Amino acid sequence: MQSPLQLTFRSMDHSDALASHLRNRAARLDGIFGRVTSCHVVIERVGHHQHGDRYRFSINVGLPGHELNVTHSPPEDREQRGNLATADRAFDEVERQLEHWVTRQRSERHQARPTGL
């Protein structure tokens, strides 16, 4: 990654364990595409439920000439999941989008190549 990972904690205290987990997940993006320019993750506690806190994760990934944006919040009617599980679901979606983008870029480059004479 060309820029360091940015983490923003809203309505909650900084968590070293969560920050470490997010750094590990963000590092995996470089394995999918080695030219990721930036990654900013916003973690927000969006409410307290009788079964635990609810967290929203917004992830912005900068790429050459493109950005990926994912926001993930657990649905209200689902069993409560911790912040690590919610983070993993958000990063799973970012990874899917990044893989799709990389495949599309490769396909476009392949189609744009002139044929040999």
N, C-alpha and C. Protein backbone atom coordinates (compact mmCIF):
# COMPACT_ATOMS: atom_id res chain seq x y z
N MET A 1 0.85 -1.16 0.00
CA MET A 1 0.00 0.00 0.00
C MET A 1 0.90 1.23 0.00
N GLN A 2 0.59 2.18 -0.85
CA GLN A 2 1.44 3.35 -0.99
C GLN A 2 1.33 4.32 0.18
N SER A 3 0.16 4.42 0.78
CA SER A 3 -0.04 5.26 1.97
C SER A 3 -0.36 4.36 3.15
N PRO A 4 -0.02 4.78 4.36
CA PRO A 4 -0.35 3.94 5.52
C PRO A 4 -1.86 3.83 5.73
N LEU A 5 -2.27 2.74 6.29
CA LEU A 5 -3.68 2.53 6.62
C LEU A 5 -4.15 3.63 7.57
N GLN A 6 -5.31 4.21 7.30
CA GLN A 6 -5.91 5.20 8.18
C GLN A 6 -7.08 4.55 8.90
N LEU A 7 -7.12 4.68 10.21
CA LEU A 7 -8.22 4.16 11.02
C LEU A 7 -8.85 5.31 11.77
N THR A 8 -10.17 5.38 11.72
CA THR A 8 -10.93 6.39 12.45
C THR A 8 -11.95 5.68 13.32
N PHE A 9 -11.89 5.92 14.62
CA PHE A 9 -12.84 5.35 15.57
C PHE A 9 -13.83 6.45 15.96
N ARG A 10 -15.12 6.19 15.76
CA ARG A 10 -16.16 7.17 16.12
C ARG A 10 -17.08 6.58 17.18
N SER A 11 -17.40 7.40 18.15
CA SER A 11 -18.34 7.02 19.22
C SER A 11 -17.85 5.79 19.98
N MET A 12 -16.55 5.62 20.03
CA MET A 12 -15.97 4.49 20.76
C MET A 12 -14.51 4.79 21.02
N ASP A 13 -13.94 4.08 21.98
CA ASP A 13 -12.52 4.20 22.27
C ASP A 13 -11.71 3.41 21.26
N HIS A 14 -10.46 3.85 21.07
CA HIS A 14 -9.53 3.12 20.21
C HIS A 14 -9.31 1.72 20.80
N SER A 15 -9.26 0.73 19.93
CA SER A 15 -9.01 -0.64 20.35
C SER A 15 -7.76 -1.15 19.63
N ASP A 16 -6.72 -1.48 20.39
CA ASP A 16 -5.50 -2.01 19.78
C ASP A 16 -5.75 -3.35 19.09
N ALA A 17 -6.57 -4.19 19.70
CA ALA A 17 -6.86 -5.50 19.11
C ALA A 17 -7.60 -5.34 17.78
N LEU A 18 -8.58 -4.46 17.74
CA LEU A 18 -9.32 -4.22 16.49
C LEU A 18 -8.41 -3.58 15.45
N ALA A 19 -7.59 -2.61 15.86
CA ALA A 19 -6.67 -1.96 14.93
C ALA A 19 -5.71 -2.97 14.31
N SER A 20 -5.20 -3.89 15.11
CA SER A 20 -4.31 -4.92 14.61
C SER A 20 -5.02 -5.83 13.62
N HIS A 21 -6.24 -6.21 13.94
CA HIS A 21 -7.03 -7.06 13.04
C HIS A 21 -7.27 -6.35 11.71
N LEU A 22 -7.60 -5.07 11.77
CA LEU A 22 -7.85 -4.31 10.55
C LEU A 22 -6.58 -4.14 9.72
N ARG A 23 -5.44 -3.95 10.37
CA ARG A 23 -4.17 -3.86 9.63
C ARG A 23 -3.89 -5.16 8.89
N ASN A 24 -4.15 -6.29 9.54
CA ASN A 24 -3.95 -7.58 8.88
C ASN A 24 -4.88 -7.75 7.68
N ARG A 25 -6.14 -7.37 7.85
CA ARG A 25 -7.09 -7.51 6.74
C ARG A 25 -6.72 -6.56 5.59
N ALA A 26 -6.29 -5.35 5.91
CA ALA A 26 -5.92 -4.39 4.86
C ALA A 26 -4.67 -4.87 4.11
N ALA A 27 -3.75 -5.51 4.80
CA ALA A 27 -2.53 -6.02 4.16
C ALA A 27 -2.87 -7.08 3.11
N ARG A 28 -3.94 -7.81 3.31
CA ARG A 28 -4.34 -8.83 2.34
C ARG A 28 -4.74 -8.22 0.99
N LEU A 29 -5.17 -6.95 1.01
CA LEU A 29 -5.57 -6.29 -0.24
C LEU A 29 -4.38 -6.19 -1.19
N ASP A 30 -3.17 -5.97 -0.64
CA ASP A 30 -1.98 -5.90 -1.48
C ASP A 30 -1.70 -7.22 -2.18
N GLY A 31 -2.12 -8.33 -1.59
CA GLY A 31 -1.95 -9.63 -2.23
C GLY A 31 -2.86 -9.80 -3.44
N ILE A 32 -3.97 -9.09 -3.43
CA ILE A 32 -4.91 -9.14 -4.55
C ILE A 32 -4.47 -8.20 -5.66
N PHE A 33 -4.02 -7.00 -5.26
CA PHE A 33 -3.58 -5.99 -6.22
C PHE A 33 -2.47 -5.19 -5.56
N GLY A 34 -1.27 -5.31 -6.06
CA GLY A 34 -0.10 -4.73 -5.43
C GLY A 34 0.04 -3.22 -5.54
N ARG A 35 -0.91 -2.55 -6.20
CA ARG A 35 -0.80 -1.10 -6.36
C ARG A 35 -1.93 -0.35 -5.66
N VAL A 36 -2.42 -0.88 -4.56
CA VAL A 36 -3.41 -0.17 -3.75
C VAL A 36 -2.74 1.10 -3.25
N THR A 37 -3.39 2.25 -3.46
CA THR A 37 -2.76 3.52 -3.08
C THR A 37 -3.11 3.95 -1.67
N SER A 38 -4.29 3.56 -1.17
CA SER A 38 -4.68 3.97 0.18
C SER A 38 -5.82 3.11 0.68
N CYS A 39 -6.00 3.13 1.99
CA CYS A 39 -7.12 2.44 2.61
C CYS A 39 -7.49 3.20 3.88
N HIS A 40 -8.74 3.60 3.97
CA HIS A 40 -9.24 4.32 5.14
C HIS A 40 -10.44 3.55 5.67
N VAL A 41 -10.38 3.19 6.95
CA VAL A 41 -11.46 2.44 7.59
C VAL A 41 -12.04 3.31 8.70
N VAL A 42 -13.35 3.49 8.67
CA VAL A 42 -14.05 4.20 9.73
C VAL A 42 -14.88 3.18 10.49
N ILE A 43 -14.64 3.10 11.79
CA ILE A 43 -15.37 2.19 12.67
C ILE A 43 -16.24 3.05 13.56
N GLU A 44 -17.53 2.79 13.52
CA GLU A 44 -18.44 3.62 14.30
C GLU A 44 -19.38 2.75 15.11
N ARG A 45 -19.45 3.02 16.38
CA ARG A 45 -20.45 2.35 17.21
C ARG A 45 -21.75 3.07 16.95
N VAL A 46 -22.72 2.35 16.42
CA VAL A 46 -23.96 2.99 15.98
C VAL A 46 -25.11 2.79 16.95
N GLY A 47 -24.87 2.07 18.00
CA GLY A 47 -25.93 1.91 18.98
C GLY A 47 -25.65 0.76 19.91
N HIS A 48 -26.31 0.82 21.02
CA HIS A 48 -26.18 -0.25 21.99
C HIS A 48 -27.48 -1.03 21.98
N HIS A 49 -27.37 -2.31 21.83
CA HIS A 49 -28.52 -3.20 21.79
C HIS A 49 -28.48 -4.04 23.05
N GLN A 50 -29.58 -4.62 23.43
CA GLN A 50 -29.60 -5.41 24.66
C GLN A 50 -28.62 -6.57 24.64
N HIS A 51 -28.24 -7.00 23.42
CA HIS A 51 -27.31 -8.12 23.30
C HIS A 51 -25.90 -7.66 22.96
N GLY A 52 -25.63 -6.37 22.96
CA GLY A 52 -24.28 -5.88 22.69
C GLY A 52 -24.29 -4.67 21.77
N ASP A 53 -23.10 -4.12 21.59
CA ASP A 53 -22.95 -2.94 20.73
C ASP A 53 -23.05 -3.33 19.27
N ARG A 54 -23.45 -2.35 18.45
CA ARG A 54 -23.53 -2.53 17.00
C ARG A 54 -22.50 -1.61 16.36
N TYR A 55 -21.83 -2.09 15.33
CA TYR A 55 -20.76 -1.34 14.70
C TYR A 55 -20.99 -1.23 13.20
N ARG A 56 -20.65 -0.07 12.66
CA ARG A 56 -20.69 0.15 11.22
C ARG A 56 -19.25 0.34 10.76
N PHE A 57 -18.89 -0.34 9.69
CA PHE A 57 -17.57 -0.21 9.11
C PHE A 57 -17.70 0.38 7.71
N SER A 58 -17.00 1.46 7.47
CA SER A 58 -16.93 2.07 6.14
C SER A 58 -15.49 1.97 5.69
N ILE A 59 -15.29 1.41 4.51
CA ILE A 59 -13.94 1.19 3.99
C ILE A 59 -13.83 1.85 2.63
N ASN A 60 -12.81 2.69 2.48
CA ASN A 60 -12.51 3.34 1.21
C ASN A 60 -11.13 2.88 0.79
N VAL A 61 -11.05 2.28 -0.40
CA VAL A 61 -9.79 1.79 -0.94
C VAL A 61 -9.46 2.59 -2.19
N GLY A 62 -8.30 3.24 -2.17
CA GLY A 62 -7.85 4.01 -3.33
C GLY A 62 -7.03 3.13 -4.26
N LEU A 63 -7.34 3.23 -5.55
CA LEU A 63 -6.64 2.50 -6.60
C LEU A 63 -6.24 3.50 -7.68
N PRO A 64 -5.33 3.16 -8.55
CA PRO A 64 -4.98 4.09 -9.62
C PRO A 64 -6.21 4.40 -10.49
N GLY A 65 -6.70 5.62 -10.40
CA GLY A 65 -7.84 6.05 -11.22
C GLY A 65 -9.19 5.53 -10.76
N HIS A 66 -9.29 4.96 -9.57
CA HIS A 66 -10.56 4.38 -9.12
C HIS A 66 -10.59 4.30 -7.60
N GLU A 67 -11.78 4.23 -7.03
CA GLU A 67 -11.97 4.02 -5.60
C GLU A 67 -13.02 2.96 -5.38
N LEU A 68 -12.85 2.18 -4.33
CA LEU A 68 -13.86 1.24 -3.88
C LEU A 68 -14.38 1.72 -2.54
N ASN A 69 -15.68 1.68 -2.34
CA ASN A 69 -16.29 2.09 -1.08
C ASN A 69 -17.27 1.03 -0.63
N VAL A 70 -17.11 0.61 0.61
CA VAL A 70 -18.01 -0.38 1.20
C VAL A 70 -18.42 0.11 2.58
N THR A 71 -19.70 0.01 2.87
CA THR A 71 -20.19 0.27 4.22
C THR A 71 -20.96 -0.96 4.66
N HIS A 72 -20.64 -1.42 5.84
CA HIS A 72 -21.33 -2.62 6.33
C HIS A 72 -21.78 -2.41 7.77
N SER A 73 -23.06 -2.63 7.98
CA SER A 73 -23.66 -2.63 9.32
C SER A 73 -24.45 -3.91 9.45
N PRO A 74 -24.41 -4.54 10.61
CA PRO A 74 -25.24 -5.74 10.76
C PRO A 74 -26.72 -5.35 10.78
N PRO A 75 -27.57 -6.11 10.13
CA PRO A 75 -29.00 -5.80 10.14
C PRO A 75 -29.57 -5.85 11.56
N GLU A 76 -30.59 -5.06 11.78
CA GLU A 76 -31.21 -4.98 13.11
C GLU A 76 -31.79 -6.31 13.57
N ASP A 77 -32.30 -7.10 12.64
CA ASP A 77 -33.00 -8.32 13.04
C ASP A 77 -32.08 -9.54 13.15
N ARG A 78 -30.81 -9.37 12.92
CA ARG A 78 -29.86 -10.49 13.01
C ARG A 78 -29.27 -10.59 14.39
N GLU A 79 -28.82 -11.77 14.68
CA GLU A 79 -28.11 -12.00 15.93
C GLU A 79 -26.90 -11.06 15.98
N GLN A 80 -26.66 -10.51 17.14
CA GLN A 80 -25.55 -9.57 17.29
C GLN A 80 -24.22 -10.26 17.03
N ARG A 81 -23.37 -9.61 16.29
CA ARG A 81 -22.02 -10.10 16.05
C ARG A 81 -21.06 -9.05 16.59
N GLY A 82 -19.90 -9.47 16.97
CA GLY A 82 -18.90 -8.55 17.49
C GLY A 82 -18.30 -7.69 16.40
N ASN A 83 -17.47 -6.76 16.82
CA ASN A 83 -16.89 -5.86 15.85
C ASN A 83 -15.92 -6.56 14.89
N LEU A 84 -15.25 -7.63 15.33
CA LEU A 84 -14.35 -8.34 14.42
C LEU A 84 -15.12 -9.05 13.31
N ALA A 85 -16.23 -9.66 13.64
CA ALA A 85 -17.05 -10.34 12.63
C ALA A 85 -17.61 -9.34 11.64
N THR A 86 -18.05 -8.19 12.12
CA THR A 86 -18.58 -7.15 11.23
C THR A 86 -17.46 -6.61 10.34
N ALA A 87 -16.27 -6.42 10.91
CA ALA A 87 -15.12 -5.97 10.12
C ALA A 87 -14.79 -6.98 9.03
N ASP A 88 -14.81 -8.27 9.38
CA ASP A 88 -14.50 -9.30 8.40
C ASP A 88 -15.50 -9.30 7.25
N ARG A 89 -16.77 -9.13 7.56
CA ARG A 89 -17.77 -9.08 6.49
C ARG A 89 -17.53 -7.89 5.56
N ALA A 90 -17.18 -6.75 6.14
CA ALA A 90 -16.90 -5.57 5.32
C ALA A 90 -15.67 -5.81 4.45
N PHE A 91 -14.61 -6.35 5.02
CA PHE A 91 -13.40 -6.61 4.24
C PHE A 91 -13.62 -7.71 3.21
N ASP A 92 -14.45 -8.71 3.52
CA ASP A 92 -14.78 -9.73 2.52
C ASP A 92 -15.41 -9.07 1.28
N GLU A 93 -16.29 -8.11 1.51
CA GLU A 93 -16.93 -7.41 0.39
C GLU A 93 -15.92 -6.56 -0.37
N VAL A 94 -15.02 -5.88 0.33
CA VAL A 94 -13.98 -5.09 -0.35
C VAL A 94 -13.10 -6.01 -1.20
N GLU A 95 -12.73 -7.16 -0.66
CA GLU A 95 -11.91 -8.10 -1.42
C GLU A 95 -12.64 -8.58 -2.68
N ARG A 96 -13.93 -8.88 -2.56
CA ARG A 96 -14.71 -9.30 -3.74
C ARG A 96 -14.72 -8.19 -4.79
N GLN A 97 -14.98 -6.96 -4.35
CA GLN A 97 -15.01 -5.84 -5.29
C GLN A 97 -13.63 -5.63 -5.94
N LEU A 98 -12.57 -5.74 -5.15
CA LEU A 98 -11.23 -5.55 -5.69
C LEU A 98 -10.89 -6.64 -6.70
N GLU A 99 -11.22 -7.88 -6.39
CA GLU A 99 -10.97 -8.98 -7.34
C GLU A 99 -11.73 -8.75 -8.63
N HIS A 100 -12.97 -8.29 -8.53
CA HIS A 100 -13.78 -8.00 -9.72
C HIS A 100 -13.14 -6.88 -10.53
N TRP A 101 -12.69 -5.82 -9.86
CA TRP A 101 -12.07 -4.69 -10.54
C TRP A 101 -10.80 -5.12 -11.25
N VAL A 102 -9.96 -5.93 -10.58
CA VAL A 102 -8.71 -6.40 -11.18
C VAL A 102 -9.02 -7.24 -12.41
N THR A 103 -9.99 -8.13 -12.32
CA THR A 103 -10.37 -8.96 -13.47
C THR A 103 -10.84 -8.10 -14.63
N ARG A 104 -11.65 -7.09 -14.33
CA ARG A 104 -12.16 -6.19 -15.37
C ARG A 104 -11.01 -5.41 -16.02
N GLN A 105 -10.06 -4.94 -15.21
CA GLN A 105 -8.92 -4.19 -15.74
C GLN A 105 -8.08 -5.07 -16.67
N ARG A 106 -7.84 -6.30 -16.26
CA ARG A 106 -7.06 -7.22 -17.09
C ARG A 106 -7.78 -7.52 -18.40
N SER A 107 -9.08 -7.69 -18.32
CA SER A 107 -9.87 -7.97 -19.52
C SER A 107 -9.84 -6.78 -20.47
N GLU A 108 -9.98 -5.58 -19.94
CA GLU A 108 -9.96 -4.38 -20.79
C GLU A 108 -8.59 -4.20 -21.45
N ARG A 109 -7.51 -4.46 -20.69
CA ARG A 109 -6.16 -4.34 -21.27
C ARG A 109 -5.96 -5.38 -22.36
N HIS A 110 -6.46 -6.59 -22.12
CA HIS A 110 -6.32 -7.66 -23.10
C HIS A 110 -7.07 -7.31 -24.39
N GLN A 111 -8.28 -6.77 -24.26
CA GLN A 111 -9.08 -6.41 -25.42
C GLN A 111 -8.50 -5.22 -26.17
N ALA A 112 -7.79 -4.35 -25.47
CA ALA A 112 -7.25 -3.15 -26.09
C ALA A 112 -5.92 -3.42 -26.82
N ARG A 113 -5.32 -4.58 -26.59
CA ARG A 113 -4.04 -4.89 -27.25
C ARG A 113 -4.24 -5.05 -28.75
N PRO A 114 -3.37 -4.42 -29.51
CA PRO A 114 -3.44 -4.63 -30.96
C PRO A 114 -2.97 -6.03 -31.32
N THR A 115 -3.57 -6.60 -32.31
CA THR A 115 -3.16 -7.94 -32.74
C THR A 115 -1.89 -7.82 -33.56
N GLY A 116 -1.09 -8.87 -33.53
CA GLY A 116 0.18 -8.87 -34.26
C GLY A 116 -0.03 -8.83 -35.76
N LEU A 117 0.92 -8.26 -36.47
CA LEU A 117 0.81 -8.18 -37.94
C LEU A 117 1.50 -9.32 -38.61
